Amino acid sequence: MGGPREAAPLWSVAGSGGGGGRRCRAGGGSCRSRGHGGDHGAGGSAEGPGGLVIRVLLADDQDMVRAGLRLVLSAEPDIEVVGEARDGLEAVTLARRLRPDVVLMDVRMPRLDGIEATRRLL
């Protein structure tokens, strides 16, 4: 019980695909399993070899964390990392422009934290 504990990274995940509620959530299932080619906003998911590709925006102030996440996510054939942000303000700007399906956002970032950035996207 004695030694100091490392704090686990805190993350916030927000879907921001811009489908205005018309996304795959309706009727259950995920974009990957629905295969309907539904509306995903201006930057909607592209068709990949196995169906829809999930477009992800990474937001973290640490370059090494973003690089590691990009490496892991890019290894998946149905995931595409479409952008990276170094802080919450940049994440909001990029999410509005790129319209990813998922934003993987660090909670503790400079200028605008991940919680407030997520609020602005929802």
Protein backbone atom coordinates (compact mmCIF):
# COMPACT_ATOMS: atom_id res chain seq x y z
CA MET A 1 0.00 0.00 0.00
CA GLY A 2 2.96 2.28 0.53
CA GLY A 3 4.40 3.55 -2.79
CA PRO A 4 3.06 6.35 -4.99
CA ARG A 5 0.63 5.34 -7.72
CA GLU A 6 0.85 6.55 -11.27
CA ALA A 7 -2.26 8.34 -12.41
CA ALA A 8 -3.97 6.66 -15.32
CA PRO A 9 -4.43 8.88 -18.39
CA LEU A 10 -7.85 10.47 -18.53
CA TRP A 11 -9.58 10.41 -21.90
CA SER A 12 -12.78 11.70 -23.32
CA VAL A 13 -14.24 10.23 -26.47
CA ALA A 14 -16.77 12.21 -28.45
CA GLY A 15 -18.48 11.23 -31.65
CA SER A 16 -18.60 14.32 -33.85
CA GLY A 17 -19.51 12.97 -37.26
CA GLY A 18 -22.07 15.68 -37.86
CA GLY A 19 -24.90 13.35 -38.77
CA GLY A 20 -27.21 15.42 -36.58
CA GLY A 21 -28.59 12.37 -34.81
CA ARG A 22 -29.11 10.49 -38.09
CA ARG A 23 -26.07 8.32 -37.53
CA CYS A 24 -25.81 4.57 -37.00
CA ARG A 25 -26.94 4.95 -33.40
CA ALA A 26 -30.54 4.76 -34.60
CA GLY A 27 -31.63 1.16 -34.37
CA GLY A 28 -28.49 0.05 -32.52
CA GLY A 29 -25.30 -1.38 -33.92
CA SER A 30 -22.17 0.39 -34.99
CA CYS A 31 -21.06 1.99 -38.25
CA ARG A 32 -18.85 -1.01 -38.81
CA SER A 33 -21.66 -3.54 -38.52
CA ARG A 34 -24.51 -1.61 -40.14
CA GLY A 35 -23.00 -1.42 -43.64
CA HIS A 36 -25.76 0.91 -44.84
CA GLY A 37 -23.60 3.74 -46.17
CA GLY A 38 -25.64 6.20 -44.12
CA ASP A 39 -25.19 9.93 -43.78
CA HIS A 40 -22.09 10.86 -41.80
CA GLY A 41 -21.87 14.57 -42.50
CA ALA A 42 -19.47 16.36 -44.82
CA GLY A 43 -16.47 14.28 -43.83
CA GLY A 44 -18.34 11.00 -43.54
CA SER A 45 -16.74 7.61 -43.29
CA ALA A 46 -15.25 6.14 -46.41
CA GLU A 47 -15.86 2.61 -47.58
CA GLY A 48 -12.97 0.32 -46.76
CA PRO A 49 -12.33 -3.25 -47.89
CA GLY A 50 -14.45 -4.64 -45.05
CA GLY A 51 -17.08 -1.90 -44.92
CA LEU A 52 -17.00 1.56 -43.38
CA VAL A 53 -13.79 3.12 -42.14
CA ILE A 54 -14.01 4.91 -38.79
CA ARG A 55 -12.41 8.37 -39.03
CA VAL A 56 -10.58 9.37 -35.81
CA LEU A 57 -9.15 12.69 -34.62
CA LEU A 58 -6.48 12.48 -31.89
CA ALA A 59 -6.08 15.27 -29.34
CA ASP A 60 -3.24 15.20 -26.80
CA ASP A 61 -0.60 17.75 -25.84
CA GLN A 62 2.13 15.09 -25.70
CA ASP A 63 3.65 14.24 -29.08
CA MET A 64 4.71 10.75 -28.00
CA VAL A 65 1.21 9.85 -26.81
CA ARG A 66 -0.32 10.99 -30.10
CA ALA A 67 2.32 9.07 -32.06
CA GLY A 68 1.66 5.90 -30.06
CA LEU A 69 -2.09 6.15 -30.48
CA ARG A 70 -1.69 6.84 -34.20
CA LEU A 71 0.56 3.79 -34.55
CA VAL A 72 -1.89 1.48 -32.77
CA LEU A 73 -5.02 2.83 -34.48
CA SER A 74 -3.47 2.94 -37.95
CA ALA A 75 -2.72 -0.78 -37.72
CA GLU A 76 -6.46 -1.45 -37.90
CA PRO A 77 -7.81 -1.67 -41.46
CA ASP A 78 -11.14 -0.06 -40.56
CA ILE A 79 -9.70 2.94 -38.67
CA GLU A 80 -8.19 6.06 -40.25
CA VAL A 81 -6.53 8.79 -38.18
CA VAL A 82 -7.63 11.94 -40.04
CA GLY A 83 -6.02 14.57 -37.82
CA GLU A 84 -4.10 15.41 -34.67
CA ALA A 85 -4.42 18.32 -32.26
CA ARG A 86 -2.04 19.55 -29.54
CA ASP A 87 -4.67 21.25 -27.38
CA GLY A 88 -8.41 21.56 -26.93
CA LEU A 89 -8.85 24.65 -29.09
CA GLU A 90 -7.06 23.03 -32.00
CA ALA A 91 -9.14 19.87 -31.46
CA VAL A 92 -12.41 21.80 -31.70
CA THR A 93 -11.26 23.61 -34.85
CA LEU A 94 -10.06 20.41 -36.53
CA ALA A 95 -13.15 18.43 -35.52
CA ARG A 96 -15.46 21.04 -37.03
CA ARG A 97 -13.44 21.10 -40.26
CA LEU A 98 -12.61 17.39 -40.65
CA ARG A 99 -15.87 15.99 -39.19
CA PRO A 100 -14.39 12.74 -37.80
CA ASP A 101 -16.58 9.93 -36.51
CA VAL A 102 -14.66 9.80 -33.20
CA VAL A 103 -12.51 12.29 -31.30
CA LEU A 104 -10.08 10.66 -28.88
CA MET A 105 -9.34 13.53 -26.51
CA ASP A 106 -6.96 13.86 -23.56
CA VAL A 107 -8.67 15.51 -20.60
CA ARG A 108 -5.68 17.57 -19.42
CA MET A 109 -4.42 19.88 -22.17
CA PRO A 110 -3.32 23.52 -22.39
CA ARG A 111 -5.50 26.40 -23.59
CA LEU A 112 -8.72 24.36 -23.41
CA ASP A 113 -9.08 21.10 -21.51
CA GLY A 114 -10.59 18.02 -23.10
CA ILE A 115 -13.81 18.21 -21.08
CA GLU A 116 -14.65 21.71 -22.28
CA ALA A 117 -13.50 20.89 -25.82
CA THR A 118 -15.86 17.89 -25.83
CA ARG A 119 -18.72 20.09 -24.57
CA ARG A 120 -18.15 22.48 -27.47
CA LEU A 121 -18.36 19.62 -29.95
CA LEU A 122 -21.61 18.15 -28.65
